[in-house]
């Protein structure tokens, strides 16, 4: 029995070498997992820098993949010397592709983690960050990483990159005719990211189409808008190239524009009312007196003498604007009442030129 085991070890020693290599790879993988986990915990607790956290999170799985690729390739080399086979001739290119894949995976994850780290860092610093632009740059970077990795892999396998690019150019023409709508949406998405007519979280609307709501996502093909009745609206990006888009979210002020009428009997009090309303608006803490402000007698209406109010609030918040507008209108009502006048409402006056007498027959 012992002789048999000794003979097997003598002739099949490469199996034990392969086993040893796999065991070493497993040990190194476990060690790097524990080490990176401790470093990550230490970085989270003792440093405010978000980038070291991003690097450690992005490194963990690709590094494990790289360790196993190296171990398997080394084991295959050992087996190749003892049991030559055609399949072992692919060890070197497969190993190279594996290493490129691990590096690509790391850079891909680092791009995503870096995006989150940058946004979080800007928010912690109290800085305004354009998440849409950051996301678009991150996507372009990841696309560039994947394209570059694919070309390097093809070069590793012995293909000519120039031939691949030439074929890609011809294929692009064919695909362009077959998928022009898709490409139009992709270019539309690119223009949204570059021109930035709106960003995620903006309230937008279009007078050309029935589009109004809050932007939730800007993709490369579709933009998702949540309407005010909470329905999701998916809009192809090419649509925005052919319509005008209003972005109330970027208003600098909100406008109060009202016409108020008093009775004809109160005509003598109009000048005083207008002056007091204007003074009230100039002194109101939520009204921007540096903007256009108009308070003037405007017209002779059928049942009232109308004066016109045109002013701007400092806030652009929709709810706060209506609270301010309510306060302004209530103060105007108070001014009219304090002057002994009344707000007019539609009335009809019947003039009888001579007394009318009723006779019985």
Protein backbone atom coordinates (compact mmCIF):
# COMPACT_ATOMS: atom_id res chain seq x y z
CA UNK A 1 0.00 0.00 0.00
CA UNK A 2 2.77 2.36 0.94
CA UNK A 3 4.72 1.37 -2.16
CA UNK A 4 1.69 2.04 -4.33
CA UNK A 5 1.18 5.47 -2.75
CA UNK A 6 4.87 6.28 -3.18
CA UNK A 7 4.73 5.25 -6.84
CA UNK A 8 1.64 7.44 -7.42
CA UNK A 9 3.28 10.42 -5.76
CA UNK A 10 6.43 9.88 -7.80
CA UNK A 11 4.59 9.73 -11.12
CA UNK A 12 1.69 12.06 -10.37
CA UNK A 13 3.48 14.67 -8.31
CA UNK A 14 2.16 17.44 -10.59
CA UNK A 15 -1.31 16.86 -9.19
CA UNK A 16 -0.07 17.79 -5.74
CA UNK A 17 1.70 20.82 -7.20
CA UNK A 18 -1.56 21.95 -8.79
CA UNK A 19 -3.35 21.37 -5.49
CA UNK A 20 -0.68 23.41 -3.69
CA UNK A 21 -1.06 26.29 -6.16
CA UNK A 22 -4.85 26.30 -5.73
CA UNK A 23 -4.41 26.23 -1.94
CA UNK A 24 -1.99 29.17 -2.09
CA UNK A 25 -4.40 31.12 -4.32
CA UNK A 26 -7.24 30.43 -1.89
CA UNK A 27 -5.10 31.56 1.05
CA UNK A 28 -4.01 34.77 -0.68
CA UNK A 29 -7.61 35.52 -1.70
CA UNK A 30 -8.84 35.11 1.87
CA UNK A 31 -6.00 37.27 3.17
CA UNK A 32 -6.71 40.08 0.73
CA UNK A 33 -10.42 39.98 1.53
CA UNK A 34 -9.74 40.30 5.26
CA UNK A 35 -7.09 42.99 4.73
CA UNK A 36 -9.26 45.11 2.43
CA UNK A 37 -12.23 44.72 4.75
CA UNK A 38 -10.20 46.01 7.70
CA UNK A 39 -8.75 48.85 5.66
CA UNK A 40 -12.25 49.80 4.52
CA UNK A 41 -13.55 49.82 8.09
CA UNK A 42 -10.57 51.89 9.22
CA UNK A 43 -10.99 54.35 6.37
CA UNK A 44 -14.68 54.81 7.13
CA UNK A 45 -14.06 55.45 10.84
CA UNK A 46 -10.89 57.56 10.77
CA UNK A 47 -10.84 59.47 7.49
CA UNK A 48 -13.28 61.85 5.86
CA UNK A 49 -11.87 61.20 2.40
CA UNK A 50 -14.47 59.33 0.36
CA UNK A 51 -12.08 58.41 -2.44
CA UNK A 52 -10.13 55.84 -0.44
CA UNK A 53 -13.43 54.12 0.36
CA UNK A 54 -14.32 54.16 -3.34
CA UNK A 55 -10.97 52.62 -4.34
CA UNK A 56 -11.21 49.87 -1.72
CA UNK A 57 -14.79 48.99 -2.70
CA UNK A 58 -13.86 48.88 -6.38
CA UNK A 59 -10.69 46.83 -5.78
CA UNK A 60 -12.10 43.95 -3.74
CA UNK A 61 -13.75 41.71 -6.37
CA UNK A 62 -11.41 42.43 -9.33
CA UNK A 63 -8.37 41.66 -7.13
CA UNK A 64 -9.93 38.35 -6.11
CA UNK A 65 -10.55 37.58 -9.78
CA UNK A 66 -6.93 38.44 -10.66
CA UNK A 67 -5.58 36.14 -7.94
CA UNK A 68 -7.62 33.20 -9.19
CA UNK A 69 -6.75 33.87 -12.84
CA UNK A 70 -3.05 33.83 -11.93
CA UNK A 71 -3.43 30.67 -9.85
CA UNK A 72 -5.41 28.80 -12.50
CA UNK A 73 -2.98 29.85 -15.25
CA UNK A 74 -0.01 28.69 -13.17
CA UNK A 75 -1.75 25.39 -12.43
CA UNK A 76 -2.49 24.89 -16.12
CA UNK A 77 1.18 25.48 -16.93
CA UNK A 78 2.16 22.74 -14.48
CA UNK A 79 -0.36 20.36 -15.98
CA UNK A 80 0.82 21.21 -19.51
CA UNK A 81 4.30 19.87 -18.79
CA UNK A 82 2.95 16.55 -17.54
CA UNK A 83 -0.05 16.06 -19.84
CA UNK A 84 0.42 18.02 -23.07
CA UNK A 85 -2.84 18.82 -24.85
CA UNK A 86 -4.01 21.24 -27.52
CA UNK A 87 -6.23 23.05 -25.05
CA UNK A 88 -3.22 24.14 -23.00
CA UNK A 89 -1.96 26.21 -25.94
CA UNK A 90 -4.67 28.75 -25.12
CA UNK A 91 -3.36 29.32 -21.59
CA UNK A 92 -1.36 32.47 -22.35
CA UNK A 93 -4.02 34.38 -24.35
CA UNK A 94 -6.75 33.35 -21.91
CA UNK A 95 -4.60 34.51 -19.01
CA UNK A 96 -3.98 37.84 -20.72
CA UNK A 97 -7.69 38.27 -21.43
CA UNK A 98 -8.45 37.44 -17.80
CA UNK A 99 -5.98 40.05 -16.56
CA UNK A 100 -7.44 42.66 -18.94
CA UNK A 101 -10.95 41.75 -17.78
CA UNK A 102 -9.96 42.14 -14.12
CA UNK A 103 -8.38 45.53 -14.79
CA UNK A 104 -11.42 46.62 -16.83
CA UNK A 105 -13.74 45.50 -14.06
CA UNK A 106 -11.74 47.50 -11.52
CA UNK A 107 -11.79 50.67 -13.63
CA UNK A 108 -15.51 50.21 -14.36
CA UNK A 109 -16.35 49.88 -10.65
CA UNK A 110 -13.99 52.73 -9.77
CA UNK A 111 -15.88 54.98 -12.20
CA UNK A 112 -19.20 54.17 -10.52
CA UNK A 113 -17.84 54.45 -6.98
CA UNK A 114 -15.99 57.64 -7.89
CA UNK A 115 -19.22 59.15 -9.18
CA UNK A 116 -20.95 58.47 -5.86
CA UNK A 117 -17.94 59.70 -3.87
CA UNK A 118 -17.75 62.97 -5.81
CA UNK A 119 -21.47 63.72 -5.43
CA UNK A 120 -21.42 62.87 -1.71
CA UNK A 121 -18.28 64.97 -1.17
CA UNK A 122 -19.82 68.00 -2.87
CA UNK A 123 -22.99 67.68 -0.81
CA UNK A 124 -21.02 67.42 2.43
CA UNK A 125 -19.12 70.56 1.49
CA UNK A 126 -22.40 72.37 0.85
CA UNK A 127 -21.62 72.79 -2.84
CA UNK A 128 -24.18 72.57 -5.63
CA UNK A 129 -23.56 69.56 -7.85
CA UNK A 130 -25.08 68.80 -11.25
CA UNK A 131 -25.81 65.10 -10.83
CA UNK A 132 -26.95 64.79 -14.43
CA UNK A 133 -23.62 66.03 -15.79
CA UNK A 134 -21.62 63.87 -13.37
CA UNK A 135 -23.67 60.83 -14.38
CA UNK A 136 -23.18 61.53 -18.09
CA UNK A 137 -19.41 61.92 -17.68
CA UNK A 138 -19.28 58.69 -15.68
CA UNK A 139 -21.22 56.85 -18.37
CA UNK A 140 -18.96 58.14 -21.13
CA UNK A 141 -15.92 57.10 -19.12
CA UNK A 142 -17.29 53.59 -18.57
CA UNK A 143 -18.14 53.29 -22.27
CA UNK A 144 -14.60 54.34 -23.17
CA UNK A 145 -13.18 51.77 -20.75
CA UNK A 146 -15.25 48.95 -22.28
CA UNK A 147 -14.40 49.93 -25.87
CA UNK A 148 -10.68 50.20 -25.09
CA UNK A 149 -10.69 46.87 -23.25
CA UNK A 150 -12.46 45.17 -26.17
CA UNK A 151 -9.89 46.48 -28.67
CA UNK A 152 -6.98 45.40 -26.44
CA UNK A 153 -8.50 41.92 -26.10
CA UNK A 154 -8.86 41.61 -29.86
CA UNK A 155 -5.25 42.70 -30.29
CA UNK A 156 -4.23 40.08 -27.71
CA UNK A 157 -6.04 37.38 -29.70
CA UNK A 158 -4.10 38.37 -32.81
CA UNK A 159 -6.74 40.40 -34.63
CA UNK A 160 -5.76 43.61 -36.41
CA UNK A 161 -7.33 46.61 -34.73
CA UNK A 162 -7.22 48.63 -37.95
CA UNK A 163 -9.25 45.93 -39.70
CA UNK A 164 -11.73 45.85 -36.84
CA UNK A 165 -12.12 49.63 -36.96
CA UNK A 166 -12.61 49.56 -40.74
CA UNK A 167 -15.25 46.85 -40.40
CA UNK A 168 -16.84 48.82 -37.57
CA UNK A 169 -17.07 51.89 -39.81
CA UNK A 170 -18.87 49.96 -42.53
CA UNK A 171 -21.10 48.26 -40.00
CA UNK A 172 -21.89 51.64 -38.47
CA UNK A 173 -23.31 52.89 -41.77
CA UNK A 174 -25.56 49.84 -42.06
CA UNK A 175 -26.67 50.03 -38.44
CA UNK A 176 -27.27 53.76 -38.82
CA UNK A 177 -29.86 53.22 -41.54
CA UNK A 178 -31.49 50.34 -39.67
CA UNK A 179 -31.65 52.06 -36.29
CA UNK A 180 -31.94 55.76 -37.11
CA UNK A 181 -34.64 56.31 -34.47
CA UNK A 182 -32.48 54.72 -31.80
CA UNK A 183 -29.50 56.83 -32.85
CA UNK A 184 -31.68 59.94 -32.88
CA UNK A 185 -32.64 59.23 -29.28
CA UNK A 186 -29.01 58.61 -28.33
CA UNK A 187 -27.91 61.91 -29.86
CA UNK A 188 -30.89 63.60 -28.25
CA UNK A 189 -29.75 62.26 -24.88
CA UNK A 190 -26.22 63.48 -25.57
CA UNK A 191 -27.49 66.99 -26.36
CA UNK A 192 -29.54 67.03 -23.15
CA UNK A 193 -26.40 66.17 -21.18
CA UNK A 194 -24.36 68.83 -23.00
CA UNK A 195 -26.91 71.68 -23.20
CA UNK A 196 -28.53 70.88 -19.84
CA UNK A 197 -31.95 72.49 -20.46
CA UNK A 198 -33.09 70.58 -17.38
CA UNK A 199 -31.67 68.29 -14.73
CA UNK A 200 -32.95 65.51 -12.49
CA UNK A 201 -35.44 66.98 -10.01
CA UNK A 202 -36.47 69.90 -12.27
CA UNK A 203 -40.10 70.66 -12.98
CA UNK A 204 -40.52 70.98 -16.75
CA UNK A 205 -43.38 71.46 -19.19
CA UNK A 206 -43.81 71.90 -22.93
CA UNK A 207 -46.40 74.13 -24.60
CA UNK A 208 -46.04 72.01 -27.76
CA UNK A 209 -46.98 68.67 -26.21
CA UNK A 210 -48.80 67.42 -23.14
CA UNK A 211 -45.63 67.13 -21.08
CA UNK A 212 -45.44 68.44 -17.52
CA UNK A 213 -43.90 66.99 -14.41
CA UNK A 214 -40.71 66.37 -12.46
CA UNK A 215 -37.68 64.83 -14.19
CA UNK A 216 -36.70 61.59 -12.44
CA UNK A 217 -34.17 60.09 -14.84
CA UNK A 218 -32.30 61.14 -17.97
CA UNK A 219 -31.19 58.06 -19.88
CA UNK A 220 -29.42 57.76 -23.19
CA UNK A 221 -32.65 56.76 -24.96
CA UNK A 222 -35.51 57.87 -22.70
CA UNK A 223 -36.20 60.57 -20.16
CA UNK A 224 -38.54 59.68 -17.30
CA UNK A 225 -40.88 62.42 -16.08
CA UNK A 226 -43.25 61.97 -13.13
CA UNK A 227 -46.47 63.90 -13.77
CA UNK A 228 -48.24 65.72 -10.95
CA UNK A 229 -50.83 62.96 -10.69
CA UNK A 230 -47.87 60.58 -10.07
CA UNK A 231 -47.97 58.83 -13.46
CA UNK A 232 -44.58 58.00 -15.02
CA UNK A 233 -44.08 59.50 -18.47
CA UNK A 234 -41.33 58.05 -20.68
CA UNK A 235 -40.25 60.46 -23.42
CA UNK A 236 -37.84 59.54 -26.25
CA UNK A 237 -34.91 61.95 -26.11
CA UNK A 238 -35.27 62.82 -29.80
CA UNK A 239 -38.58 64.50 -28.92
CA UNK A 240 -36.78 67.29 -27.07
CA UNK A 241 -34.97 68.27 -30.27
CA UNK A 242 -38.28 69.26 -31.88
CA UNK A 243 -40.20 70.93 -29.06
CA UNK A 244 -39.72 73.90 -26.78
CA UNK A 245 -39.27 73.09 -23.10
CA UNK A 246 -40.09 75.43 -20.24
CA UNK A 247 -38.18 74.96 -16.99
CA UNK A 248 -40.07 76.73 -14.18
CA UNK A 249 -37.57 75.24 -11.72
CA UNK A 250 -35.00 77.81 -12.86
CA UNK A 251 -37.22 80.85 -12.39
CA UNK A 252 -35.53 83.70 -10.53
CA UNK A 253 -38.85 85.04 -9.15
CA UNK A 254 -42.57 84.32 -9.27
CA UNK A 255 -45.06 86.89 -10.49
CA UNK A 256 -48.21 88.17 -8.84
CA UNK A 257 -50.52 89.60 -11.50
CA UNK A 258 -54.04 90.53 -10.39
CA UNK A 259 -56.83 92.94 -11.33
CA UNK A 260 -59.06 94.14 -8.48
CA UNK A 261 -62.21 96.24 -8.85
CA UNK A 262 -63.95 98.64 -6.47
CA UNK A 263 -67.42 100.16 -6.80
CA UNK A 264 -68.05 103.27 -8.89
CA UNK A 265 -69.35 104.90 -5.72
CA UNK A 266 -65.79 104.66 -4.29
CA UNK A 267 -64.08 106.47 -7.17
CA UNK A 268 -62.88 109.26 -4.88
CA UNK A 269 -60.99 106.74 -2.76
CA UNK A 270 -59.14 105.06 -5.65
CA UNK A 271 -55.98 107.21 -5.45
CA UNK A 272 -55.56 106.62 -1.71
CA UNK A 273 -56.13 102.86 -2.08
CA UNK A 274 -53.56 102.58 -4.88
CA UNK A 275 -50.95 104.51 -2.90
CA UNK A 276 -51.41 102.39 0.24
CA UNK A 277 -51.32 99.13 -1.74
CA UNK A 278 -48.07 100.21 -3.40
CA UNK A 279 -46.55 101.16 -0.04
CA UNK A 280 -47.60 97.81 1.40
CA UNK A 281 -45.92 95.94 -1.48
CA UNK A 282 -42.73 97.99 -1.19
CA UNK A 283 -42.49 97.18 2.53
CA UNK A 284 -43.50 93.52 2.26
CA UNK A 285 -40.51 91.31 3.26
CA UNK A 286 -41.31 88.65 0.64
CA UNK A 287 -41.78 91.03 -2.30
CA UNK A 288 -38.70 91.97 -4.35
CA UNK A 289 -38.98 95.74 -4.72
CA UNK A 290 -35.99 95.81 -7.10
CA UNK A 291 -38.10 94.12 -9.76
CA UNK A 292 -40.86 95.70 -11.83
CA UNK A 293 -43.74 96.82 -9.60
CA UNK A 294 -46.96 98.28 -11.02
CA UNK A 295 -50.01 99.41 -9.03
CA UNK A 296 -52.24 101.63 -11.19
CA UNK A 297 -55.85 102.41 -12.00
CA UNK A 298 -56.37 100.35 -15.11
CA UNK A 299 -59.86 100.44 -16.61
CA UNK A 300 -63.54 101.28 -16.35
CA UNK A 301 -65.21 97.90 -16.17
CA UNK A 302 -68.99 97.39 -16.54
CA UNK A 303 -69.50 97.04 -12.80
CA UNK A 304 -66.24 98.27 -11.26
CA UNK A 305 -63.25 100.56 -11.36
CA UNK A 306 -60.29 98.22 -11.83
CA UNK A 307 -56.74 98.71 -10.63
CA UNK A 308 -53.85 96.51 -11.67
CA UNK A 309 -51.20 94.81 -9.48
CA UNK A 310 -47.98 93.50 -11.00
CA UNK A 311 -45.08 92.46 -8.77
CA UNK A 312 -42.62 89.64 -8.05
CA UNK A 313 -41.94 87.49 -5.01
CA UNK A 314 -38.43 86.63 -3.83
CA UNK A 315 -39.19 82.93 -3.57
CA UNK A 316 -39.75 80.53 -6.45
CA UNK A 317 -41.16 77.76 -4.28
CA UNK A 318 -44.66 76.98 -5.51
CA UNK A 319 -46.25 76.45 -2.09
CA UNK A 320 -44.51 79.41 -0.46
CA UNK A 321 -45.49 81.63 -3.41
CA UNK A 322 -49.19 80.94 -2.87
CA UNK A 323 -48.84 81.68 0.83
CA UNK A 324 -47.28 85.05 0.02
CA UNK A 325 -49.88 85.79 -2.65
CA UNK A 326 -52.66 85.02 -0.16
CA UNK A 327 -51.13 87.39 2.39
CA UNK A 328 -50.82 90.17 -0.22
CA UNK A 329 -54.44 89.80 -1.37
CA UNK A 330 -55.77 89.75 2.20
CA UNK A 331 -53.84 92.92 3.00
CA UNK A 332 -55.32 94.57 -0.10
CA UNK A 333 -58.80 93.60 1.10
CA UNK A 334 -57.99 95.17 4.47
CA UNK A 335 -56.76 98.40 2.83
CA UNK A 336 -59.96 98.70 0.77
CA UNK A 337 -62.14 98.14 3.83
CA UNK A 338 -60.14 100.60 5.94
CA UNK A 339 -60.71 103.25 3.27
CA UNK A 340 -64.45 102.70 3.56
CA UNK A 341 -64.69 101.22 0.08
CA UNK A 342 -65.91 97.86 -1.10
CA UNK A 343 -64.78 95.33 -3.68
CA UNK A 344 -67.17 95.39 -6.61
CA UNK A 345 -69.11 92.45 -7.96
CA UNK A 346 -71.24 92.22 -11.14
CA UNK A 347 -74.38 94.35 -10.75
CA UNK A 348 -77.06 95.84 -13.01
CA UNK A 349 -78.66 99.25 -12.39
CA UNK A 350 -82.12 100.00 -13.75
CA UNK A 351 -82.81 103.71 -14.43
CA UNK A 352 -86.48 104.71 -14.60
CA UNK A 353 -86.82 108.25 -16.11
CA UNK A 354 -90.43 108.90 -14.86
CA UNK A 355 -92.49 107.51 -12.03
CA UNK A 356 -94.48 104.49 -13.06
CA UNK A 357 -98.10 104.26 -11.91
CA UNK A 358 -100.25 101.20 -11.95
CA UNK A 359 -103.94 101.54 -12.76
CA UNK A 360 -106.71 99.05 -12.37
CA UNK A 361 -109.19 98.38 -15.09
